[in-house]
N, C-alpha and C. Protein backbone atom coordinates (compact mmCIF):
# COMPACT_ATOMS: atom_id res chain seq x y z
N MET A 1 32.66 -0.72 110.02
CA MET A 1 31.58 -1.63 110.41
C MET A 1 32.10 -2.73 111.32
N GLN A 2 33.27 -3.26 111.01
CA GLN A 2 33.82 -4.35 111.82
C GLN A 2 34.14 -3.88 113.24
N LYS A 3 34.62 -2.64 113.38
CA LYS A 3 34.91 -2.10 114.72
C LYS A 3 33.63 -2.01 115.54
N PHE A 4 32.53 -1.62 114.89
CA PHE A 4 31.25 -1.53 115.58
C PHE A 4 30.82 -2.91 116.08
N LEU A 5 30.96 -3.93 115.25
CA LEU A 5 30.56 -5.28 115.65
C LEU A 5 31.40 -5.80 116.80
N ILE A 6 32.69 -5.51 116.78
CA ILE A 6 33.57 -5.94 117.87
C ILE A 6 33.16 -5.24 119.16
N LEU A 7 32.90 -3.95 119.09
CA LEU A 7 32.48 -3.19 120.26
C LEU A 7 31.14 -3.71 120.78
N ALA A 8 30.21 -3.95 119.88
CA ALA A 8 28.89 -4.46 120.28
C ALA A 8 29.03 -5.83 120.94
N ASN A 9 29.84 -6.71 120.37
CA ASN A 9 30.03 -8.04 120.95
C ASN A 9 30.69 -7.96 122.32
N THR A 10 31.62 -7.04 122.49
CA THR A 10 32.28 -6.87 123.78
C THR A 10 31.29 -6.43 124.83
N LYS A 11 30.38 -5.57 124.46
CA LYS A 11 29.37 -5.10 125.41
C LYS A 11 28.34 -6.19 125.70
N ILE A 12 27.95 -6.91 124.69
CA ILE A 12 26.92 -7.93 124.86
C ILE A 12 27.43 -9.07 125.74
N ILE A 13 28.69 -9.37 125.66
CA ILE A 13 29.25 -10.49 126.41
C ILE A 13 29.18 -10.29 127.92
N GLN A 14 28.91 -9.07 128.36
CA GLN A 14 28.83 -8.79 129.80
C GLN A 14 27.78 -9.66 130.49
N HIS A 15 26.70 -9.98 129.79
CA HIS A 15 25.69 -10.83 130.43
C HIS A 15 26.24 -12.23 130.71
N GLU A 16 27.13 -12.71 129.86
CA GLU A 16 27.74 -14.02 130.08
C GLU A 16 28.55 -14.04 131.37
N HIS A 17 29.33 -12.99 131.61
CA HIS A 17 30.12 -12.90 132.83
C HIS A 17 29.21 -12.86 134.06
N TYR A 18 28.15 -12.12 133.95
CA TYR A 18 27.18 -12.02 135.05
C TYR A 18 26.53 -13.38 135.31
N TRP A 19 26.12 -14.07 134.25
CA TRP A 19 25.50 -15.39 134.40
C TRP A 19 26.47 -16.39 135.02
N GLN A 20 27.75 -16.32 134.64
CA GLN A 20 28.75 -17.22 135.22
C GLN A 20 28.87 -16.97 136.72
N CYS A 21 28.85 -15.71 137.11
CA CYS A 21 28.92 -15.37 138.53
C CYS A 21 27.70 -15.92 139.26
N LEU A 22 26.52 -15.76 138.68
CA LEU A 22 25.31 -16.29 139.31
C LEU A 22 25.38 -17.81 139.45
N GLY A 23 25.88 -18.46 138.44
CA GLY A 23 26.00 -19.91 138.49
C GLY A 23 26.98 -20.37 139.55
N ALA A 24 28.06 -19.64 139.71
CA ALA A 24 29.07 -19.99 140.70
C ALA A 24 28.61 -19.73 142.13
N HIS A 25 27.68 -18.80 142.28
CA HIS A 25 27.20 -18.44 143.62
C HIS A 25 25.75 -18.87 143.84
N THR A 26 25.37 -19.96 143.25
CA THR A 26 24.02 -20.54 143.39
C THR A 26 22.90 -19.53 143.24
N GLN A 27 22.97 -18.78 142.20
CA GLN A 27 21.91 -17.86 141.79
C GLN A 27 21.71 -16.67 142.72
N ASP A 28 22.63 -16.39 143.63
CA ASP A 28 22.48 -15.26 144.55
C ASP A 28 23.04 -14.00 143.89
N ALA A 29 22.17 -13.17 143.37
CA ALA A 29 22.58 -11.96 142.65
C ALA A 29 23.28 -10.96 143.55
N ALA A 30 23.08 -11.03 144.85
CA ALA A 30 23.71 -10.09 145.78
C ALA A 30 25.23 -10.26 145.81
N LEU A 31 25.73 -11.40 145.36
CA LEU A 31 27.17 -11.65 145.35
C LEU A 31 27.85 -11.17 144.07
N CYS A 32 27.07 -10.66 143.13
CA CYS A 32 27.61 -10.26 141.83
C CYS A 32 27.23 -8.82 141.46
N PRO A 33 27.28 -7.86 142.38
CA PRO A 33 26.80 -6.51 142.05
C PRO A 33 27.69 -5.80 141.03
N ARG A 34 28.99 -6.02 141.07
CA ARG A 34 29.88 -5.35 140.13
C ARG A 34 29.60 -5.81 138.69
N LEU A 35 29.40 -7.10 138.52
CA LEU A 35 29.11 -7.62 137.19
C LEU A 35 27.72 -7.19 136.71
N ARG A 36 26.77 -7.13 137.62
CA ARG A 36 25.43 -6.67 137.24
C ARG A 36 25.49 -5.21 136.80
N SER A 37 26.25 -4.42 137.53
CA SER A 37 26.39 -3.00 137.19
C SER A 37 27.06 -2.84 135.82
N SER A 38 28.07 -3.63 135.57
CA SER A 38 28.75 -3.60 134.28
C SER A 38 27.80 -4.02 133.16
N PHE A 39 27.01 -5.05 133.42
CA PHE A 39 26.02 -5.52 132.47
C PHE A 39 24.99 -4.43 132.18
N GLU A 40 24.53 -3.73 133.21
CA GLU A 40 23.53 -2.68 133.03
C GLU A 40 24.07 -1.48 132.28
N THR A 41 25.33 -1.13 132.49
CA THR A 41 25.91 0.02 131.79
C THR A 41 26.33 -0.32 130.37
N SER A 42 26.60 -1.59 130.10
CA SER A 42 27.09 -1.99 128.78
C SER A 42 25.98 -2.28 127.78
N CYS A 43 24.83 -2.72 128.27
CA CYS A 43 23.75 -3.14 127.37
C CYS A 43 22.56 -2.19 127.47
N PRO A 44 21.92 -1.93 126.35
CA PRO A 44 20.68 -1.14 126.38
C PRO A 44 19.61 -1.86 127.19
N GLN A 45 18.66 -1.13 127.68
CA GLN A 45 17.62 -1.68 128.54
C GLN A 45 16.89 -2.85 127.88
N GLN A 46 16.57 -2.73 126.62
CA GLN A 46 15.84 -3.79 125.94
C GLN A 46 16.65 -5.09 125.89
N TRP A 47 17.96 -4.97 125.70
CA TRP A 47 18.83 -6.15 125.70
C TRP A 47 18.87 -6.77 127.08
N ARG A 48 18.97 -5.94 128.12
CA ARG A 48 19.01 -6.46 129.49
C ARG A 48 17.73 -7.24 129.78
N LYS A 49 16.61 -6.67 129.37
CA LYS A 49 15.33 -7.33 129.58
C LYS A 49 15.31 -8.68 128.86
N TYR A 50 15.79 -8.70 127.63
CA TYR A 50 15.85 -9.94 126.85
C TYR A 50 16.75 -10.98 127.53
N PHE A 51 17.96 -10.58 127.93
CA PHE A 51 18.91 -11.52 128.52
C PHE A 51 18.39 -12.04 129.87
N ASP A 52 17.76 -11.19 130.66
CA ASP A 52 17.20 -11.64 131.94
C ASP A 52 16.09 -12.67 131.71
N LYS A 53 15.21 -12.39 130.75
CA LYS A 53 14.14 -13.34 130.45
C LYS A 53 14.69 -14.63 129.86
N ARG A 54 15.71 -14.50 129.04
CA ARG A 54 16.33 -15.70 128.45
C ARG A 54 16.94 -16.59 129.52
N ARG A 55 17.59 -15.98 130.49
CA ARG A 55 18.18 -16.78 131.58
C ARG A 55 17.08 -17.52 132.35
N ASP A 56 16.00 -16.82 132.64
CA ASP A 56 14.89 -17.47 133.34
C ASP A 56 14.34 -18.63 132.52
N TYR A 57 14.19 -18.41 131.22
CA TYR A 57 13.68 -19.47 130.35
C TYR A 57 14.63 -20.66 130.33
N LEU A 58 15.92 -20.42 130.21
CA LEU A 58 16.89 -21.51 130.15
C LEU A 58 16.92 -22.32 131.45
N LYS A 59 16.76 -21.64 132.59
CA LYS A 59 16.68 -22.35 133.86
C LYS A 59 15.41 -23.21 133.91
N PHE A 60 14.28 -22.65 133.46
CA PHE A 60 13.03 -23.40 133.41
C PHE A 60 13.16 -24.62 132.50
N LYS A 61 13.74 -24.41 131.34
CA LYS A 61 13.90 -25.48 130.35
C LYS A 61 14.76 -26.61 130.92
N GLU A 62 15.82 -26.23 131.60
CA GLU A 62 16.71 -27.23 132.21
C GLU A 62 15.95 -28.08 133.23
N LYS A 63 15.16 -27.44 134.08
CA LYS A 63 14.38 -28.18 135.07
C LYS A 63 13.33 -29.05 134.39
N PHE A 64 12.69 -28.50 133.37
CA PHE A 64 11.64 -29.23 132.67
C PHE A 64 12.20 -30.48 132.00
N GLU A 65 13.35 -30.34 131.34
CA GLU A 65 13.96 -31.49 130.66
C GLU A 65 14.47 -32.52 131.65
N ALA A 66 14.83 -32.09 132.84
CA ALA A 66 15.28 -33.02 133.88
C ALA A 66 14.08 -33.60 134.64
N GLU A 67 12.88 -33.23 134.22
CA GLU A 67 11.62 -33.69 134.81
C GLU A 67 11.52 -33.30 136.28
N GLN A 68 12.05 -32.14 136.63
CA GLN A 68 11.96 -31.63 137.98
C GLN A 68 10.89 -30.56 138.10
N PHE A 69 10.28 -30.20 136.99
CA PHE A 69 9.27 -29.15 137.00
C PHE A 69 7.97 -29.68 137.59
N GLN A 70 7.42 -28.94 138.53
CA GLN A 70 6.14 -29.30 139.13
C GLN A 70 5.12 -28.20 138.80
N PRO A 71 4.09 -28.51 138.00
CA PRO A 71 3.09 -27.49 137.68
C PRO A 71 2.33 -27.09 138.95
N SER A 72 1.90 -25.86 138.98
CA SER A 72 1.13 -25.40 140.14
C SER A 72 -0.24 -26.08 140.14
N GLU A 73 -0.87 -26.11 141.28
CA GLU A 73 -2.19 -26.75 141.39
C GLU A 73 -3.24 -26.05 140.55
N SER A 74 -3.12 -24.75 140.40
CA SER A 74 -4.13 -24.01 139.63
C SER A 74 -4.13 -24.41 138.17
N THR A 75 -3.00 -24.88 137.63
CA THR A 75 -2.96 -25.28 136.22
C THR A 75 -3.37 -26.74 136.05
N THR A 76 -3.35 -27.52 137.12
CA THR A 76 -3.73 -28.93 136.98
C THR A 76 -5.20 -29.16 137.24
N ASN A 77 -5.90 -28.19 137.79
CA ASN A 77 -7.32 -28.33 138.12
C ASN A 77 -8.19 -27.53 137.15
N PHE A 78 -8.24 -27.94 135.93
CA PHE A 78 -9.06 -27.22 134.95
C PHE A 78 -10.51 -27.54 135.12
């Protein structure tokens, strides 16, 4: 069981490496194709979907907390 958890954690951590690359290259995914490919081969599709959405949420949250978020006009005109 412990070997499985170590293997699973090693595969899951691939998203962290990919995110670090995106952060270092100002969010330009075209500069990180090798890490994206590794991330896609290491994680099941559902996990990739979750991690991609989580990254988007964390970026949104960071902007929102820094009060840089600007709501669209369609949401302000009820």
